[in-house]
Amino acid sequence: MPNIVDFVEARLTEEGANAEAMPDPDKWRRMLDALRTVSGQVVAYLEANDLEPADNPIAAGLLVTAQVWSDHPDFQPAEWFPRMSKAGRR
C-alpha cells in the first residue's frame, strides 16, 4: 500500500499524462501545477526534517490534495494515518 506521498505523486503523474484529453488542457495543467506546488512544499518539509509521512500532522496537509481522488481504490487515509484516524473516532 502506498503512503500518502506516493499516492499523491502517482495521481498527479497520471492526471498529467491525461491532460490532452481534457476540455481545456492548459487549465488542467495549471491546476495540476498548483497541486504539485502545494504538495511539494509538504514533501520538501518532510524530507528536509527526515520525517516519515505516516501519522505525521504535517503530511496530513496532503489530504486536501488527495481528496481529489477519494474515489480511487488506493485512497486509504485510515491506513496512512492510523493513530490520527483512531483518535478522531473517540
C-alpha atoms as a PDB file:
ATOM      1  CA  MET A   1       0.000   0.000   0.000  1.00  0.00           C
ATOM      2  CA  PRO A   2       1.488   3.370  -0.965  1.00  0.00           C
ATOM      3  CA  ASN A   3       1.834   6.109   1.633  1.00  0.00           C
ATOM      4  CA  ILE A   4       0.092   9.430   1.060  1.00  0.00           C
ATOM      5  CA  VAL A   5       3.148  10.957  -0.632  1.00  0.00           C
ATOM      6  CA  ASP A   6       3.344   8.058  -3.110  1.00  0.00           C
ATOM      7  CA  PHE A   7      -0.419   8.232  -3.675  1.00  0.00           C
ATOM      8  CA  VAL A   8      -0.493  11.959  -4.454  1.00  0.00           C
ATOM      9  CA  GLU A   9       2.594  11.816  -6.675  1.00  0.00           C
ATOM     10  CA  ALA A  10       1.158   8.876  -8.657  1.00  0.00           C
ATOM     11  CA  ARG A  11      -2.209  10.576  -9.153  1.00  0.00           C
ATOM     12  CA  LEU A  12      -0.583  13.841 -10.287  1.00  0.00           C
ATOM     13  CA  THR A  13       1.554  11.914 -12.770  1.00  0.00           C
ATOM     14  CA  GLU A  14      -1.476  10.041 -14.119  1.00  0.00           C
ATOM     15  CA  GLU A  15      -3.503  13.212 -14.456  1.00  0.00           C
ATOM     16  CA  GLY A  16      -0.638  14.986 -16.208  1.00  0.00           C
ATOM     17  CA  ALA A  17      -0.481  12.202 -18.781  1.00  0.00           C
ATOM     18  CA  ASN A  18      -4.204  12.661 -19.450  1.00  0.00           C
ATOM     19  CA  ALA A  19      -4.190  16.464 -19.738  1.00  0.00           C
ATOM     20  CA  GLU A  20      -4.618  16.490 -23.513  1.00  0.00           C
ATOM     21  CA  ALA A  21      -7.913  14.607 -23.170  1.00  0.00           C
ATOM     22  CA  MET A  22      -9.398  17.375 -21.004  1.00  0.00           C
ATOM     23  CA  PRO A  23     -11.683  20.050 -22.484  1.00  0.00           C
ATOM     24  CA  ASP A  24      -9.167  22.751 -21.507  1.00  0.00           C
ATOM     25  CA  PRO A  25      -5.734  21.072 -21.305  1.00  0.00           C
ATOM     26  CA  ASP A  26      -3.905  24.273 -20.374  1.00  0.00           C
ATOM     27  CA  LYS A  27      -6.225  24.951 -17.447  1.00  0.00           C
ATOM     28  CA  TRP A  28      -5.875  21.306 -16.366  1.00  0.00           C
ATOM     29  CA  ARG A  29      -2.085  21.595 -16.391  1.00  0.00           C
ATOM     30  CA  ARG A  30      -2.232  24.820 -14.357  1.00  0.00           C
ATOM     31  CA  MET A  31      -4.437  23.102 -11.790  1.00  0.00           C
ATOM     32  CA  LEU A  32      -2.036  20.171 -11.569  1.00  0.00           C
ATOM     33  CA  ASP A  33       0.912  22.554 -11.248  1.00  0.00           C
ATOM     34  CA  ALA A  34      -0.825  24.290  -8.338  1.00  0.00           C
ATOM     35  CA  LEU A  35      -1.491  20.959  -6.611  1.00  0.00           C
ATOM     36  CA  ARG A  36       2.129  19.909  -7.217  1.00  0.00           C
ATOM     37  CA  THR A  37       3.386  23.179  -5.717  1.00  0.00           C
ATOM     38  CA  VAL A  38       1.326  22.805  -2.554  1.00  0.00           C
ATOM     39  CA  SER A  39       2.134  19.102  -2.203  1.00  0.00           C
ATOM     40  CA  GLY A  40       5.784  19.717  -2.963  1.00  0.00           C
ATOM     41  CA  GLN A  41       6.094  22.112  -0.029  1.00  0.00           C
ATOM     42  CA  VAL A  42       4.784  19.462   2.363  1.00  0.00           C
ATOM     43  CA  VAL A  43       7.030  16.760   0.910  1.00  0.00           C
ATOM     44  CA  ALA A  44      10.072  19.064   0.995  1.00  0.00           C
ATOM     45  CA  TYR A  45       9.467  19.778   4.677  1.00  0.00           C
ATOM     46  CA  LEU A  46       9.113  16.073   5.494  1.00  0.00           C
ATOM     47  CA  GLU A  47      12.282  15.196   3.591  1.00  0.00           C
ATOM     48  CA  ALA A  48      14.328  18.090   4.999  1.00  0.00           C
ATOM     49  CA  ASN A  49      13.450  17.002   8.515  1.00  0.00           C
ATOM     50  CA  ASP A  50      13.792  13.274   7.803  1.00  0.00           C
ATOM     51  CA  LEU A  51      10.161  12.656   8.779  1.00  0.00           C
ATOM     52  CA  GLU A  52       8.006   9.745   7.723  1.00  0.00           C
ATOM     53  CA  PRO A  53       4.540  10.664   6.424  1.00  0.00           C
ATOM     54  CA  ALA A  54       2.630   8.053   8.468  1.00  0.00           C
ATOM     55  CA  ASP A  55       0.650   9.715  11.270  1.00  0.00           C
ATOM     56  CA  ASN A  56       2.528  12.959  10.735  1.00  0.00           C
ATOM     57  CA  PRO A  57       0.324  16.059  11.140  1.00  0.00           C
ATOM     58  CA  ILE A  58       2.369  17.895   8.509  1.00  0.00           C
ATOM     59  CA  ALA A  59       1.771  15.071   5.999  1.00  0.00           C
ATOM     60  CA  ALA A  60      -1.927  15.316   6.796  1.00  0.00           C
ATOM     61  CA  GLY A  61      -1.788  18.532   4.785  1.00  0.00           C
ATOM     62  CA  LEU A  62      -1.594  16.300   1.719  1.00  0.00           C
ATOM     63  CA  LEU A  63      -5.111  15.043   2.464  1.00  0.00           C
ATOM     64  CA  VAL A  64      -6.506  18.195   0.871  1.00  0.00           C
ATOM     65  CA  THR A  65      -4.879  17.237  -2.434  1.00  0.00           C
ATOM     66  CA  ALA A  66      -5.543  13.517  -2.004  1.00  0.00           C
ATOM     67  CA  GLN A  67      -9.282  14.183  -1.566  1.00  0.00           C
ATOM     68  CA  VAL A  68      -9.441  14.954  -5.292  1.00  0.00           C
ATOM     69  CA  TRP A  69      -9.050  11.202  -5.837  1.00  0.00           C
ATOM     70  CA  SER A  70     -11.126   9.961  -2.897  1.00  0.00           C
ATOM     71  CA  ASP A  71     -12.863   7.532  -5.262  1.00  0.00           C
ATOM     72  CA  HIS A  72      -9.542   5.843  -6.167  1.00  0.00           C
ATOM     73  CA  PRO A  73      -9.081   2.350  -4.643  1.00  0.00           C
ATOM     74  CA  ASP A  74      -5.687   3.346  -3.175  1.00  0.00           C
ATOM     75  CA  PHE A  75      -7.183   6.294  -1.272  1.00  0.00           C
ATOM     76  CA  GLN A  76      -6.754   4.988   2.290  1.00  0.00           C
ATOM     77  CA  PRO A  77      -6.455   7.820   4.825  1.00  0.00           C
ATOM     78  CA  ALA A  78      -7.136   5.486   7.764  1.00  0.00           C
ATOM     79  CA  GLU A  79      -4.098   3.417   6.724  1.00  0.00           C
ATOM     80  CA  TRP A  80      -1.883   6.462   6.123  1.00  0.00           C
ATOM     81  CA  PHE A  81      -2.793   7.983   9.488  1.00  0.00           C
ATOM     82  CA  PRO A  82      -3.892   5.086  11.729  1.00  0.00           C
ATOM     83  CA  ARG A  83      -3.303   6.781  15.087  1.00  0.00           C
ATOM     84  CA  MET A  84      -4.795  10.067  13.920  1.00  0.00           C
ATOM     85  CA  SER A  85      -7.812   8.262  12.459  1.00  0.00           C
ATOM     86  CA  LYS A  86      -8.310   6.303  15.674  1.00  0.00           C
ATOM     87  CA  ALA A  87      -8.099   9.450  17.787  1.00  0.00           C
ATOM     88  CA  GLY A  88     -10.685  11.149  15.573  1.00  0.00           C
ATOM     89  CA  ARG A  89     -13.218   8.398  16.258  1.00  0.00           C
ATOM     90  CA  ARG A  90     -13.260   8.897  20.038  1.00  0.00           C
END
